[in-house]
Amino acid sequence: MLLPRDDLGRPEWGAFERNARFVLDMGAVGLCVNGATGEFAGASQAERREAVVRARRVSGSALVVSGIGGTRWTEILALGREAEGAGADALLVPTPYFFSYALEDLAEFYRRLAVEFGIPLLIYNLPAFTGGLDAALAFQLIQELPGIAGVKDSSGQLDLLELLTIAQSGKALRLVGNDTVLAEALTRGLCDGTISGVAGVLPELTVALWKSAAGTDAALFNRLASRLETLIEELDEFPTPWGLKLIAELRGLGPASIGLPLSAERQREAAQFAEWFPRWWKDADADLAKALNAPVGLCQSVA
C-alpha cells in the first residue's frame, strides 16, 4: 500500500483507507503496509503504527502485514512490537538499511529477531533499497528458524523461490515481491502469493493475472503478462513509487504526493504518463473483464 500525503507531507488517512477498501473489494486477500511502496524510510514510528491500526480496521478478517524496516536494533524491535500490538498478522523484515553488513551479521540479526514476537516473520529481500540477502543464507534461515514463515523476495530474481520450491518442505511461504517476475513465477509454480506495489493501485490486473494462471486460457494469461510488462516499463521511468502514485491519482485513490520537487522534465514525463495510462487501460479492459468475469472501469467508485 501507498501512504498518500498532502502538500505539507501529512498522511492522508482518508485516502489510505479508501484505497485499502478498494484493493480488498477487487479481490486481494490482505493488505501490506510500511513496505517500500509505502516509503517506510520516510515515515515516523507513529505514522507506521497508525498505518497498521487503520489497515486492521478496514481489513476485517483479511490479512494485515507490516514492514518493520529500520537502521537500529532497538528501533526495529519497537516497530515490531507496535505493529504486533496494533493487530498485524505478520511482520515483514528487510535487512537493516543504509550501511553494509556481512552475511554473519545479517544471520545473527534474523536469528535474534525470530524469537522476539508472537506472530510470524517474513524475510523481506529488498536489495534495491537495503543490503539484500544472499539466497542460500535466506533459505537456511527459513528452514532453521520456526519464527520465520517465509519470504517476500523483491530482488527480481527467482533463485531463492527456486530453492524453497525444490526443498518442498511445505514450511515456507513463497511470495513474489517484484512484479517483473510475477508472471514467470506463476508459470513455473514458484510462488504461493505476491505482495505487489502494482496491486496496491491496480488490483484488477494482479488478480486477473493470478486467476488466468490457474485457468485454461494460456493466451489470455500471456496477454495479461504482456500488459503488466508494458506497464512496468513505463513505471520504471520514475523513481519508486512515483509512477504508482500517479496511477493512484488518476484513479481517484489518493493524491500523487511526490516527496521531492519535480524538474520541468519530470513534470513533462508525468503529463505524458497521465495521457498514456488511460490508453493502456482501454487496451487492457477486455482482457481484465474476461479474466475477472466482471466489467471493470478506469475510475472505480471508492467512496
Protein backbone atom coordinates (compact mmCIF):
# COMPACT_ATOMS: atom_id res chain seq x y z
CA MET A 1 0.00 0.00 0.00
CA LEU A 2 0.99 3.59 -0.68
CA LEU A 3 0.88 6.11 2.16
CA PRO A 4 -0.62 9.19 0.46
CA ARG A 5 0.33 12.59 1.84
CA ASP A 6 -0.89 16.15 1.37
CA ASP A 7 1.22 19.07 0.13
CA LEU A 8 2.63 19.58 3.62
CA GLY A 9 3.70 15.94 3.95
CA ARG A 10 0.93 14.91 6.35
CA PRO A 11 -0.63 11.45 5.81
CA GLU A 12 -3.98 11.47 4.01
CA TRP A 13 -5.56 8.77 6.14
CA GLY A 14 -8.97 9.05 4.50
CA ALA A 15 -7.45 8.33 1.09
CA PHE A 16 -5.39 5.50 2.59
CA GLU A 17 -8.50 3.80 3.95
CA ARG A 18 -10.47 4.27 0.72
CA ASN A 19 -7.60 2.79 -1.25
CA ALA A 20 -7.40 -0.15 1.17
CA ARG A 21 -11.12 -0.89 0.87
CA PHE A 22 -10.89 -0.72 -2.91
CA VAL A 23 -7.98 -3.18 -3.02
CA LEU A 24 -9.86 -5.67 -0.85
CA ASP A 25 -13.10 -5.22 -2.82
CA MET A 26 -11.20 -6.07 -6.01
CA GLY A 27 -10.10 -9.45 -4.63
CA ALA A 28 -6.89 -9.01 -2.65
CA VAL A 29 -6.67 -11.29 0.40
CA GLY A 30 -4.88 -8.76 2.58
CA LEU A 31 -3.00 -5.50 2.98
CA CYS A 32 0.70 -4.87 3.37
CA VAL A 33 1.74 -1.54 4.89
CA ASN A 34 5.07 0.10 5.70
CA GLY A 35 6.95 -1.50 2.84
CA ALA A 36 8.99 0.16 0.10
CA THR A 37 5.84 1.27 -1.75
CA GLY A 38 4.72 2.98 1.46
CA GLU A 39 8.12 4.71 1.68
CA PHE A 40 8.75 3.36 5.17
CA ALA A 41 12.13 5.05 5.48
CA GLY A 42 10.44 8.45 5.41
CA ALA A 43 7.58 7.62 7.81
CA SER A 44 7.66 8.27 11.53
CA GLN A 45 7.17 5.50 14.05
CA ALA A 46 3.76 6.97 14.94
CA GLU A 47 2.73 7.04 11.27
CA ARG A 48 3.79 3.45 10.77
CA ARG A 49 1.77 2.33 13.79
CA GLU A 50 -1.24 4.28 12.52
CA ALA A 51 -0.98 2.58 9.13
CA VAL A 52 -1.32 -0.81 10.87
CA VAL A 53 -4.22 0.40 13.03
CA ARG A 54 -6.14 1.66 10.00
CA ALA A 55 -5.33 -1.35 7.84
CA ARG A 56 -6.59 -3.61 10.64
CA ARG A 57 -9.77 -1.55 10.96
CA VAL A 58 -10.50 -1.71 7.23
CA SER A 59 -9.47 -5.31 6.61
CA GLY A 60 -11.81 -7.19 8.93
CA SER A 61 -10.63 -10.79 8.80
CA ALA A 62 -8.26 -10.19 5.88
CA LEU A 63 -4.52 -10.39 6.46
CA VAL A 64 -2.50 -7.39 7.58
CA VAL A 65 1.27 -7.48 7.11
CA SER A 66 3.51 -4.67 8.36
CA GLY A 67 7.06 -3.88 7.40
CA ILE A 68 9.44 -3.08 10.27
CA GLY A 69 12.48 -1.91 8.33
CA GLY A 70 14.94 0.24 10.23
CA THR A 71 18.58 1.04 10.88
CA ARG A 72 18.96 0.11 14.57
CA TRP A 73 18.10 -2.96 16.61
CA THR A 74 16.10 -1.03 19.21
CA GLU A 75 14.15 0.81 16.51
CA ILE A 76 13.25 -2.41 14.70
CA LEU A 77 12.17 -4.10 17.93
CA ALA A 78 9.96 -1.14 18.83
CA LEU A 79 8.39 -1.08 15.36
CA GLY A 80 7.67 -4.81 15.56
CA ARG A 81 6.09 -4.63 18.99
CA GLU A 82 3.92 -1.68 17.99
CA ALA A 83 2.78 -3.41 14.80
CA GLU A 84 2.01 -6.61 16.70
CA GLY A 85 0.09 -4.66 19.31
CA ALA A 86 -1.85 -2.78 16.63
CA GLY A 87 -3.12 -6.03 15.10
CA ALA A 88 -0.66 -7.07 12.38
CA ASP A 89 -0.81 -10.76 11.45
CA ALA A 90 2.82 -10.92 10.28
CA LEU A 91 5.92 -8.74 10.17
CA LEU A 92 7.93 -8.03 7.05
CA VAL A 93 11.62 -7.66 7.90
CA PRO A 94 14.21 -6.27 5.47
CA THR A 95 17.86 -6.24 6.35
CA PRO A 96 18.92 -3.07 8.20
CA TYR A 97 19.44 -0.45 5.52
CA PHE A 98 21.95 2.28 4.59
CA PHE A 99 25.12 0.61 5.93
CA SER A 100 26.67 -2.57 4.52
CA TYR A 101 26.82 -5.66 6.74
CA ALA A 102 28.49 -9.04 6.44
CA LEU A 103 26.38 -12.15 5.99
CA GLU A 104 27.15 -13.31 9.53
CA ASP A 105 25.82 -10.00 10.88
CA LEU A 106 22.57 -10.44 8.98
CA ALA A 107 22.26 -14.08 10.03
CA GLU A 108 22.58 -13.08 13.69
CA PHE A 109 20.06 -10.27 13.17
CA TYR A 110 17.37 -12.64 11.88
CA ARG A 111 18.16 -15.35 14.45
CA ARG A 112 17.72 -12.90 17.31
CA LEU A 113 14.62 -11.30 15.82
CA ALA A 114 12.88 -14.64 15.15
CA VAL A 115 12.28 -15.21 18.87
CA GLU A 116 11.11 -11.71 19.78
CA PHE A 117 7.48 -11.77 18.57
CA GLY A 118 4.37 -13.86 18.85
CA ILE A 119 3.45 -13.52 15.16
CA PRO A 120 5.32 -14.84 12.11
CA LEU A 121 8.14 -13.00 10.38
CA LEU A 122 8.69 -12.81 6.65
CA ILE A 123 12.17 -12.09 5.34
CA TYR A 124 11.92 -9.06 3.04
CA ASN A 125 14.64 -9.44 0.43
CA LEU A 126 14.91 -5.88 -0.89
CA PRO A 127 18.37 -5.39 -2.40
CA ALA A 128 17.43 -2.27 -4.39
CA PHE A 129 16.97 -0.29 -1.16
CA THR A 130 18.70 -2.33 1.56
CA GLY A 131 21.70 -4.64 1.55
CA GLY A 132 19.58 -7.59 0.48
CA LEU A 133 20.23 -11.17 1.50
CA ASP A 134 22.13 -13.99 -0.12
CA ALA A 135 19.67 -16.59 -1.42
CA ALA A 136 21.50 -19.51 0.22
CA LEU A 137 21.56 -17.79 3.62
CA ALA A 138 17.91 -16.76 3.38
CA PHE A 139 16.99 -20.35 2.52
CA GLN A 140 19.00 -21.62 5.51
CA LEU A 141 17.35 -19.17 7.91
CA ILE A 142 13.84 -20.00 6.71
CA GLN A 143 14.49 -23.71 7.14
CA GLU A 144 16.21 -23.28 10.51
CA LEU A 145 14.03 -20.76 12.36
CA PRO A 146 10.42 -21.57 13.29
CA GLY A 147 9.61 -17.89 13.73
CA ILE A 148 10.28 -17.15 10.05
CA ALA A 149 7.31 -18.19 7.91
CA GLY A 150 8.76 -17.41 4.50
CA VAL A 151 9.98 -14.64 2.24
CA LYS A 152 8.83 -11.71 0.20
CA ASP A 153 11.51 -11.71 -2.48
CA SER A 154 11.73 -8.30 -4.15
CA SER A 155 15.11 -8.95 -5.77
CA GLY A 156 13.69 -9.53 -9.25
CA GLN A 157 15.45 -12.90 -9.22
CA LEU A 158 13.91 -16.32 -8.64
CA ASP A 159 16.87 -18.16 -7.08
CA LEU A 160 15.51 -18.21 -3.54
CA LEU A 161 11.99 -19.18 -4.59
CA GLU A 162 13.50 -21.99 -6.67
CA LEU A 163 15.43 -23.28 -3.65
CA LEU A 164 12.31 -23.23 -1.49
CA THR A 165 10.29 -24.98 -4.19
CA ILE A 166 12.87 -27.72 -4.64
CA ALA A 167 13.00 -28.28 -0.88
CA GLN A 168 9.23 -28.94 -0.85
CA SER A 169 9.19 -28.64 2.93
CA GLY A 170 5.76 -27.04 2.97
CA LYS A 171 7.00 -24.69 5.69
CA ALA A 172 7.99 -21.62 3.71
CA LEU A 173 5.56 -19.12 2.24
CA ARG A 174 6.95 -18.10 -1.15
CA LEU A 175 5.89 -14.56 -2.01
CA VAL A 176 6.92 -12.64 -5.11
CA GLY A 177 7.73 -9.04 -4.24
CA ASN A 178 8.87 -7.79 -7.63
CA ASP A 179 6.21 -7.51 -10.32
CA THR A 180 8.73 -8.01 -13.12
CA VAL A 181 9.00 -11.75 -12.34
CA LEU A 182 5.44 -12.48 -11.20
CA ALA A 183 4.28 -14.00 -14.49
CA GLU A 184 7.32 -16.28 -14.71
CA ALA A 185 6.93 -17.36 -11.08
CA LEU A 186 3.28 -18.22 -11.71
CA THR A 187 4.12 -20.13 -14.88
CA ARG A 188 6.79 -22.17 -13.12
CA GLY A 189 4.83 -22.74 -9.91
CA LEU A 190 7.37 -20.94 -7.75
CA CYS A 191 5.10 -18.84 -5.57
CA ASP A 192 2.21 -19.04 -3.13
CA GLY A 193 1.29 -15.39 -3.45
CA THR A 194 2.52 -11.90 -4.12
CA ILE A 195 2.91 -8.67 -2.17
CA SER A 196 2.75 -6.24 -5.04
CA GLY A 197 3.10 -2.49 -5.42
CA VAL A 198 1.13 -2.63 -8.66
CA ALA A 199 -1.70 -4.43 -6.86
CA GLY A 200 -2.00 -1.51 -4.46
CA VAL A 201 -3.30 0.73 -7.25
CA LEU A 202 -4.26 -1.81 -9.94
CA PRO A 203 -5.57 -4.81 -8.01
CA GLU A 204 -7.66 -5.86 -11.00
CA LEU A 205 -4.52 -6.58 -13.04
CA THR A 206 -2.82 -8.66 -10.37
CA VAL A 207 -5.97 -10.63 -9.54
CA ALA A 208 -6.72 -11.16 -13.24
CA LEU A 209 -3.20 -12.43 -13.87
CA TRP A 210 -3.45 -14.78 -10.88
CA LYS A 211 -6.84 -16.17 -11.94
CA SER A 212 -5.80 -16.65 -15.55
CA ALA A 213 -2.65 -18.51 -14.44
CA ALA A 214 -4.92 -21.06 -12.76
CA GLY A 215 -7.23 -21.29 -15.78
CA THR A 216 -7.04 -22.96 -19.15
CA ASP A 217 -6.74 -19.89 -21.39
CA ALA A 218 -2.98 -19.60 -21.87
CA ALA A 219 -3.38 -16.88 -24.47
CA LEU A 220 -5.28 -14.69 -22.00
CA PHE A 221 -2.59 -15.19 -19.35
CA ASN A 222 0.12 -14.28 -21.84
CA ARG A 223 -1.70 -11.13 -22.90
CA LEU A 224 -2.13 -10.03 -19.29
CA ALA A 225 1.54 -10.78 -18.57
CA SER A 226 2.49 -8.65 -21.57
CA ARG A 227 0.29 -5.81 -20.33
CA LEU A 228 1.97 -5.96 -16.93
CA GLU A 229 5.37 -5.89 -18.59
CA THR A 230 4.42 -2.82 -20.63
CA LEU A 231 3.09 -1.08 -17.53
CA ILE A 232 6.29 -1.78 -15.59
CA GLU A 233 8.39 -0.37 -18.42
CA GLU A 234 6.51 2.91 -18.04
CA LEU A 235 6.68 2.87 -14.24
CA ASP A 236 10.43 2.26 -14.34
CA GLU A 237 10.92 5.67 -15.93
CA PHE A 238 10.18 7.13 -12.49
CA PRO A 239 11.77 6.62 -9.06
CA THR A 240 9.87 4.14 -6.89
CA PRO A 241 6.98 4.63 -6.15
CA TRP A 242 6.25 7.81 -8.11
CA GLY A 243 4.58 6.05 -11.03
CA LEU A 244 2.23 4.18 -8.70
CA LYS A 245 1.29 7.48 -7.09
CA LEU A 246 0.44 8.92 -10.50
CA ILE A 247 -1.86 5.96 -11.15
CA ALA A 248 -3.49 6.37 -7.74
CA GLU A 249 -4.29 9.99 -8.50
CA LEU A 250 -5.59 9.17 -11.98
CA ARG A 251 -7.90 6.56 -10.46
CA GLY A 252 -9.15 8.76 -7.64
CA LEU A 253 -7.43 6.66 -4.97
CA GLY A 254 -5.37 9.45 -3.46
CA PRO A 255 -3.09 12.39 -4.22
CA ALA A 256 0.16 11.73 -6.07
CA SER A 257 2.11 13.45 -3.23
CA ILE A 258 5.58 13.28 -4.76
CA GLY A 259 8.08 13.89 -1.97
CA LEU A 260 10.62 15.92 -3.95
CA PRO A 261 10.46 18.98 -6.24
CA LEU A 262 9.84 17.96 -9.84
CA SER A 263 12.05 19.28 -12.61
CA ALA A 264 10.44 20.59 -15.79
CA GLU A 265 11.43 17.32 -17.47
CA ARG A 266 9.79 15.23 -14.74
CA GLN A 267 6.63 17.31 -14.99
CA ARG A 268 6.58 16.66 -18.73
CA GLU A 269 7.06 12.93 -18.17
CA ALA A 270 4.28 12.86 -15.59
CA ALA A 271 1.94 14.61 -18.02
CA GLN A 272 2.84 12.12 -20.73
CA PHE A 273 2.16 9.24 -18.35
CA ALA A 274 -1.23 10.73 -17.50
CA GLU A 275 -2.06 10.66 -21.22
CA TRP A 276 -0.62 7.18 -21.77
CA PHE A 277 -2.25 5.35 -18.86
CA PRO A 278 -5.91 5.67 -20.00
CA ARG A 279 -4.88 4.28 -23.40
CA TRP A 280 -3.15 1.35 -21.73
CA TRP A 281 -6.27 0.74 -19.64
CA LYS A 282 -8.55 0.86 -22.67
CA ASP A 283 -6.40 -1.77 -24.41
CA ALA A 284 -6.35 -3.98 -21.30
CA ASP A 285 -10.02 -3.59 -20.41
CA ALA A 286 -11.40 -6.57 -22.33
CA ASP A 287 -8.74 -8.97 -21.03
CA LEU A 288 -9.26 -7.82 -17.45
CA ALA A 289 -13.03 -8.24 -17.73
CA LYS A 290 -12.63 -11.71 -19.23
CA ALA A 291 -10.25 -12.91 -16.52
CA LEU A 292 -12.32 -11.42 -13.71
CA ASN A 293 -15.65 -12.38 -15.26
CA ALA A 294 -16.85 -8.87 -14.43
CA PRO A 295 -16.79 -5.43 -16.05
CA VAL A 296 -14.01 -3.08 -15.00
CA GLY A 297 -13.56 0.64 -15.32
CA LEU A 298 -10.68 3.09 -15.16
CA CYS A 299 -12.25 5.18 -12.42
CA GLN A 300 -13.77 2.94 -9.79
CA SER A 301 -16.07 4.17 -7.03
CA VAL A 302 -14.01 4.23 -3.85
CA ALA A 303 -16.34 6.26 -1.63
